[in-house]
Amino acid sequence: MKRKITITIGRKNYSFLTDESKEKVQKIKDIIAEDYEKFAHVIESTDKKGVDDLLILMLLNHVSKEIGYDEALREQREKTERLVVELERMKTERGEIAG
């Protein structure tokens, strides 16, 4: 069941409907608050351009992290594939020695 949540960025509230767990919503809020603190210096006034700049920086930060996670995941998959091939090779060699 969807419920309304409100996320505050700076002095502005943004409301959304979600069916995500309360724990996940809180984690999202915590990450947004952390990013806001990291990039809030961008806002020199309360004009819309300052908020837009802040949101763009936050978005770029998360996209950059996501790309890093994708790259790390790809590297782990490649490593796993190499290990599986090596295990199969060792298994074959062991069978040839025993047989």
Protein backbone atom coordinates (compact mmCIF):
# COMPACT_ATOMS: atom_id res chain seq x y z
CA MET A 1 0.00 0.00 0.00
CA LYS A 2 1.43 3.34 -1.00
CA ARG A 3 1.98 6.00 1.59
CA LYS A 4 3.06 9.60 1.39
CA ILE A 5 6.58 10.50 2.45
CA THR A 6 8.24 13.88 2.59
CA ILE A 7 11.93 14.49 2.00
CA THR A 8 13.43 17.82 2.96
CA ILE A 9 16.31 19.25 0.93
CA GLY A 10 17.46 22.50 2.38
CA ARG A 11 14.34 24.46 3.24
CA LYS A 12 12.17 22.79 0.62
CA ASN A 13 9.96 19.74 1.11
CA TYR A 14 9.34 17.18 -1.62
CA SER A 15 6.47 14.72 -1.19
CA PHE A 16 6.19 11.34 -2.88
CA LEU A 17 4.03 8.25 -2.77
CA THR A 18 5.90 5.02 -2.14
CA ASP A 19 5.44 1.42 -1.15
CA GLU A 20 9.07 1.03 -0.05
CA SER A 21 9.77 -0.13 3.50
CA LYS A 22 10.19 2.45 6.26
CA GLU A 23 13.79 1.30 6.68
CA LYS A 24 14.58 1.87 3.01
CA VAL A 25 12.87 5.27 3.02
CA GLN A 26 14.89 6.27 6.09
CA LYS A 27 18.11 5.15 4.40
CA ILE A 28 17.22 7.24 1.34
CA LYS A 29 16.49 10.24 3.56
CA ASP A 30 19.81 9.78 5.37
CA ILE A 31 21.75 9.61 2.10
CA ILE A 32 20.02 12.74 0.79
CA ALA A 33 20.77 14.58 4.05
CA GLU A 34 24.42 13.50 3.85
CA ASP A 35 24.69 14.66 0.24
CA TYR A 36 22.98 17.92 1.08
CA GLU A 37 25.56 18.63 3.78
CA LYS A 38 28.35 17.75 1.35
CA PHE A 39 27.14 20.05 -1.45
CA ALA A 40 25.11 22.74 0.37
CA HIS A 41 27.95 25.25 -0.06
CA VAL A 42 26.85 25.52 -3.70
CA ILE A 43 23.76 27.44 -2.65
CA GLU A 44 24.80 31.02 -2.07
CA SER A 45 21.23 32.29 -1.95
CA THR A 46 17.76 30.78 -1.83
CA ASP A 47 17.13 31.27 -5.54
CA LYS A 48 16.02 28.37 -7.72
CA LYS A 49 19.33 28.22 -9.58
CA GLY A 50 21.14 27.40 -6.34
CA VAL A 51 18.78 24.54 -5.57
CA ASP A 52 19.04 23.27 -9.15
CA ASP A 53 22.84 23.32 -8.90
CA LEU A 54 22.71 21.42 -5.63
CA LEU A 55 20.36 18.77 -7.02
CA ILE A 56 22.54 18.33 -10.11
CA LEU A 57 25.64 17.83 -7.94
CA MET A 58 23.78 15.29 -5.81
CA LEU A 59 22.59 13.47 -8.91
CA LEU A 60 26.06 13.44 -10.45
CA ASN A 61 27.49 12.10 -7.21
CA HIS A 62 25.02 9.20 -7.16
CA VAL A 63 25.46 8.39 -10.84
CA SER A 64 29.22 8.34 -10.31
CA LYS A 65 28.83 5.94 -7.37
CA GLU A 66 26.49 3.73 -9.40
CA ILE A 67 29.01 3.53 -12.23
CA GLY A 68 31.70 2.57 -9.70
CA TYR A 69 29.46 -0.16 -8.28
CA ASP A 70 28.70 -1.45 -11.79
CA GLU A 71 32.42 -1.60 -12.58
CA ALA A 72 33.21 -3.39 -9.31
CA LEU A 73 30.39 -5.87 -9.96
CA ARG A 74 31.66 -6.52 -13.50
CA GLU A 75 35.18 -7.12 -12.16
CA GLN A 76 33.85 -9.56 -9.55
CA ARG A 77 31.85 -11.44 -12.18
CA GLU A 78 34.92 -11.73 -14.40
CA LYS A 79 36.98 -12.94 -11.45
CA THR A 80 34.31 -15.52 -10.58
CA GLU A 81 34.22 -16.75 -14.19
CA ARG A 82 38.02 -17.14 -14.19
CA LEU A 83 37.87 -19.06 -10.91
CA VAL A 84 35.16 -21.38 -12.25
CA VAL A 85 37.26 -22.09 -15.35
CA GLU A 86 40.32 -22.74 -13.18
CA LEU A 87 38.34 -25.07 -10.88
CA GLU A 88 37.01 -27.00 -13.87
CA ARG A 89 40.55 -27.31 -15.25
CA MET A 90 41.84 -28.56 -11.89
CA LYS A 91 38.95 -30.99 -11.61
CA THR A 92 39.70 -32.36 -15.07
CA GLU A 93 43.42 -32.70 -14.30
CA ARG A 94 42.66 -34.44 -11.01
CA GLY A 95 40.39 -36.90 -12.79
CA GLU A 96 43.10 -37.62 -15.39
CA ILE A 97 45.69 -38.23 -12.67
CA ALA A 98 43.37 -40.50 -10.66
CA GLY A 99 42.17 -42.34 -13.72
